[in-house]
Amino acid sequence: MEKLTIQEEEIMQQVWKLSSCTVKEILNELPEPKPPYTTVASVMNNLKRKEYINQQQRGNTYVYSPAIEEEEYKHRFMKGFVHDYFRNSFKEMVSFFAKEEKLSSKDLQDIIREIEKGRK
């Protein structure tokens, strides 16, 4: 799947939140200053082309729904992120954040506990 731009990801967050929506409903959810309707409609066309959303026509309106679940997107995004920036090593990623003091030793202990819990 193609990567999403920041703007596409923002809109996709709203599609996941609403699960079934129109462009107008997405606009209502966005913070000020809101982009023009045509901009959101264009982003929706990009998301459809990239196969992230489904589109159904209801009367004169298009209704959109996610074609990919948010968890699946997160999984693919993180896998690509770790591959691109940390030589495909989650260990290197965690080490980076620990060195940058974004993770405390308590955070690391919590992560270890979560890993151990997941293995049982």
C-alpha atoms as a PDB file:
ATOM      1  CA  MET A   1       0.000   0.000   0.000  1.00  0.00           C
ATOM      2  CA  GLU A   2       1.093   3.534  -0.686  1.00  0.00           C
ATOM      3  CA  LYS A   3       2.107   5.660   2.283  1.00  0.00           C
ATOM      4  CA  LEU A   4      -0.296   8.334   3.440  1.00  0.00           C
ATOM      5  CA  THR A   5       0.561  12.011   3.495  1.00  0.00           C
ATOM      6  CA  ILE A   6       0.048  13.915   6.749  1.00  0.00           C
ATOM      7  CA  GLN A   7      -3.181  15.405   5.381  1.00  0.00           C
ATOM      8  CA  GLU A   8      -4.434  11.988   4.220  1.00  0.00           C
ATOM      9  CA  GLU A   9      -3.638  10.475   7.603  1.00  0.00           C
ATOM     10  CA  GLU A  10      -5.559  13.265   9.393  1.00  0.00           C
ATOM     11  CA  ILE A  11      -8.613  12.598   7.248  1.00  0.00           C
ATOM     12  CA  MET A  12      -8.221   8.836   7.616  1.00  0.00           C
ATOM     13  CA  GLN A  13      -8.252   9.254  11.409  1.00  0.00           C
ATOM     14  CA  GLN A  14     -11.710  10.809  11.061  1.00  0.00           C
ATOM     15  CA  VAL A  15     -12.922   8.025   8.756  1.00  0.00           C
ATOM     16  CA  TRP A  16     -11.855   5.433  11.351  1.00  0.00           C
ATOM     17  CA  LYS A  17     -13.491   7.449  14.116  1.00  0.00           C
ATOM     18  CA  LEU A  18     -16.794   7.830  12.264  1.00  0.00           C
ATOM     19  CA  SER A  19     -16.652   4.411  10.508  1.00  0.00           C
ATOM     20  CA  SER A  20     -19.159   5.576   7.869  1.00  0.00           C
ATOM     21  CA  CYS A  21     -19.222   9.218   6.820  1.00  0.00           C
ATOM     22  CA  THR A  22     -19.596  11.901   4.197  1.00  0.00           C
ATOM     23  CA  VAL A  23     -17.145  14.679   3.347  1.00  0.00           C
ATOM     24  CA  LYS A  24     -19.372  17.120   5.235  1.00  0.00           C
ATOM     25  CA  GLU A  25     -19.300  14.934   8.376  1.00  0.00           C
ATOM     26  CA  ILE A  26     -15.503  14.775   8.210  1.00  0.00           C
ATOM     27  CA  LEU A  27     -15.329  18.563   7.859  1.00  0.00           C
ATOM     28  CA  ASN A  28     -17.483  18.918  10.987  1.00  0.00           C
ATOM     29  CA  GLU A  29     -14.911  16.892  12.952  1.00  0.00           C
ATOM     30  CA  LEU A  30     -11.827  18.820  11.822  1.00  0.00           C
ATOM     31  CA  PRO A  31     -10.408  21.636  13.961  1.00  0.00           C
ATOM     32  CA  GLU A  32     -10.351  25.266  12.864  1.00  0.00           C
ATOM     33  CA  PRO A  33      -9.214  26.525  10.455  1.00  0.00           C
ATOM     34  CA  LYS A  34     -11.094  23.927   8.420  1.00  0.00           C
ATOM     35  CA  PRO A  35      -9.856  23.131   4.923  1.00  0.00           C
ATOM     36  CA  PRO A  36     -12.193  23.810   2.003  1.00  0.00           C
ATOM     37  CA  TYR A  37     -14.776  21.124   1.152  1.00  0.00           C
ATOM     38  CA  THR A  38     -13.054  20.555  -2.198  1.00  0.00           C
ATOM     39  CA  THR A  39      -9.744  19.834  -0.459  1.00  0.00           C
ATOM     40  CA  VAL A  40     -11.306  17.156   1.760  1.00  0.00           C
ATOM     41  CA  ALA A  41     -13.143  15.693  -1.258  1.00  0.00           C
ATOM     42  CA  SER A  42      -9.826  15.542  -3.143  1.00  0.00           C
ATOM     43  CA  VAL A  43      -8.118  13.809  -0.212  1.00  0.00           C
ATOM     44  CA  MET A  44     -10.984  11.298  -0.104  1.00  0.00           C
ATOM     45  CA  ASN A  45     -10.430  10.564  -3.808  1.00  0.00           C
ATOM     46  CA  ASN A  46      -6.729   9.970  -3.077  1.00  0.00           C
ATOM     47  CA  LEU A  47      -7.607   7.629  -0.201  1.00  0.00           C
ATOM     48  CA  LYS A  48      -9.985   5.728  -2.471  1.00  0.00           C
ATOM     49  CA  ARG A  49      -7.318   5.470  -5.195  1.00  0.00           C
ATOM     50  CA  LYS A  50      -4.816   4.198  -2.601  1.00  0.00           C
ATOM     51  CA  GLU A  51      -7.467   1.652  -1.466  1.00  0.00           C
ATOM     52  CA  TYR A  52      -7.727   2.929   2.114  1.00  0.00           C
ATOM     53  CA  ILE A  53     -11.456   3.691   1.881  1.00  0.00           C
ATOM     54  CA  ASN A  54     -14.578   2.349   0.202  1.00  0.00           C
ATOM     55  CA  GLN A  55     -17.086   4.640  -1.462  1.00  0.00           C
ATOM     56  CA  GLN A  56     -20.839   4.116  -1.905  1.00  0.00           C
ATOM     57  CA  GLN A  57     -23.246   6.488  -3.566  1.00  0.00           C
ATOM     58  CA  ARG A  58     -26.430   7.251  -1.639  1.00  0.00           C
ATOM     59  CA  GLY A  59     -28.596   9.629  -3.610  1.00  0.00           C
ATOM     60  CA  ASN A  60     -26.476  12.656  -4.485  1.00  0.00           C
ATOM     61  CA  THR A  61     -23.934  11.954  -1.730  1.00  0.00           C
ATOM     62  CA  TYR A  62     -20.970   9.627  -1.394  1.00  0.00           C
ATOM     63  CA  VAL A  63     -20.590   7.715   1.853  1.00  0.00           C
ATOM     64  CA  TYR A  64     -17.131   6.499   2.801  1.00  0.00           C
ATOM     65  CA  SER A  65     -15.966   3.699   5.077  1.00  0.00           C
ATOM     66  CA  PRO A  66     -12.525   2.304   5.936  1.00  0.00           C
ATOM     67  CA  ALA A  67     -11.182  -0.400   3.625  1.00  0.00           C
ATOM     68  CA  ILE A  68      -8.367  -1.075   6.107  1.00  0.00           C
ATOM     69  CA  GLU A  69      -8.682  -1.252   9.875  1.00  0.00           C
ATOM     70  CA  GLU A  70      -6.777   1.260  11.970  1.00  0.00           C
ATOM     71  CA  GLU A  71      -4.804  -1.489  13.736  1.00  0.00           C
ATOM     72  CA  GLU A  72      -3.683  -2.943  10.396  1.00  0.00           C
ATOM     73  CA  TYR A  73      -2.522   0.512   9.281  1.00  0.00           C
ATOM     74  CA  LYS A  74      -0.615   1.033  12.540  1.00  0.00           C
ATOM     75  CA  HIS A  75       1.033  -2.358  12.116  1.00  0.00           C
ATOM     76  CA  ARG A  76       2.146  -1.600   8.555  1.00  0.00           C
ATOM     77  CA  PHE A  77       3.190   1.959   9.425  1.00  0.00           C
ATOM     78  CA  MET A  78       5.325   0.906  12.395  1.00  0.00           C
ATOM     79  CA  LYS A  79       6.897  -1.950  10.473  1.00  0.00           C
ATOM     80  CA  GLY A  80       7.867   0.457   7.675  1.00  0.00           C
ATOM     81  CA  PHE A  81       9.002   3.120  10.146  1.00  0.00           C
ATOM     82  CA  VAL A  82      11.293   0.702  11.987  1.00  0.00           C
ATOM     83  CA  HIS A  83      12.589  -0.642   8.678  1.00  0.00           C
ATOM     84  CA  ASP A  84      13.298   2.819   7.234  1.00  0.00           C
ATOM     85  CA  TYR A  85      14.784   4.523  10.299  1.00  0.00           C
ATOM     86  CA  PHE A  86      16.112   1.782  12.589  1.00  0.00           C
ATOM     87  CA  ARG A  87      17.545  -0.841  10.224  1.00  0.00           C
ATOM     88  CA  ASN A  88      14.540  -3.086  10.842  1.00  0.00           C
ATOM     89  CA  SER A  89      15.427  -3.367  14.538  1.00  0.00           C
ATOM     90  CA  PHE A  90      12.819  -2.674  17.217  1.00  0.00           C
ATOM     91  CA  LYS A  91      15.643  -2.999  19.747  1.00  0.00           C
ATOM     92  CA  GLU A  92      17.480  -0.153  18.045  1.00  0.00           C
ATOM     93  CA  MET A  93      14.295   1.946  18.076  1.00  0.00           C
ATOM     94  CA  VAL A  94      13.729   1.436  21.815  1.00  0.00           C
ATOM     95  CA  SER A  95      17.403   2.139  22.465  1.00  0.00           C
ATOM     96  CA  PHE A  96      17.131   5.385  20.487  1.00  0.00           C
ATOM     97  CA  PHE A  97      14.211   6.616  22.589  1.00  0.00           C
ATOM     98  CA  ALA A  98      15.952   5.591  25.814  1.00  0.00           C
ATOM     99  CA  LYS A  99      19.090   7.508  24.821  1.00  0.00           C
ATOM    100  CA  GLU A 100      16.990  10.547  23.885  1.00  0.00           C
ATOM    101  CA  GLU A 101      15.504  10.355  27.396  1.00  0.00           C
ATOM    102  CA  LYS A 102      12.028   9.841  25.976  1.00  0.00           C
ATOM    103  CA  LEU A 103      11.798   6.556  27.905  1.00  0.00           C
ATOM    104  CA  SER A 104      12.613   6.275  31.579  1.00  0.00           C
ATOM    105  CA  SER A 105      13.966   3.133  33.217  1.00  0.00           C
ATOM    106  CA  LYS A 106      10.462   2.633  34.669  1.00  0.00           C
ATOM    107  CA  ASP A 107       9.023   2.820  31.143  1.00  0.00           C
ATOM    108  CA  LEU A 108      11.531   0.201  30.000  1.00  0.00           C
ATOM    109  CA  GLN A 109      10.628  -2.053  32.931  1.00  0.00           C
ATOM    110  CA  ASP A 110       6.934  -1.677  32.011  1.00  0.00           C
ATOM    111  CA  ILE A 111       7.741  -2.619  28.408  1.00  0.00           C
ATOM    112  CA  ILE A 112       9.645  -5.708  29.600  1.00  0.00           C
ATOM    113  CA  ARG A 113       6.661  -6.725  31.752  1.00  0.00           C
ATOM    114  CA  GLU A 114       4.320  -6.323  28.753  1.00  0.00           C
ATOM    115  CA  ILE A 115       6.628  -8.449  26.593  1.00  0.00           C
ATOM    116  CA  GLU A 116       6.821 -11.156  29.239  1.00  0.00           C
ATOM    117  CA  LYS A 117       3.033 -11.081  29.699  1.00  0.00           C
ATOM    118  CA  GLY A 118       2.585 -11.514  25.947  1.00  0.00           C
ATOM    119  CA  ARG A 119       4.779 -14.606  25.885  1.00  0.00           C
ATOM    120  CA  LYS A 120       2.735 -16.478  28.509  1.00  0.00           C
END
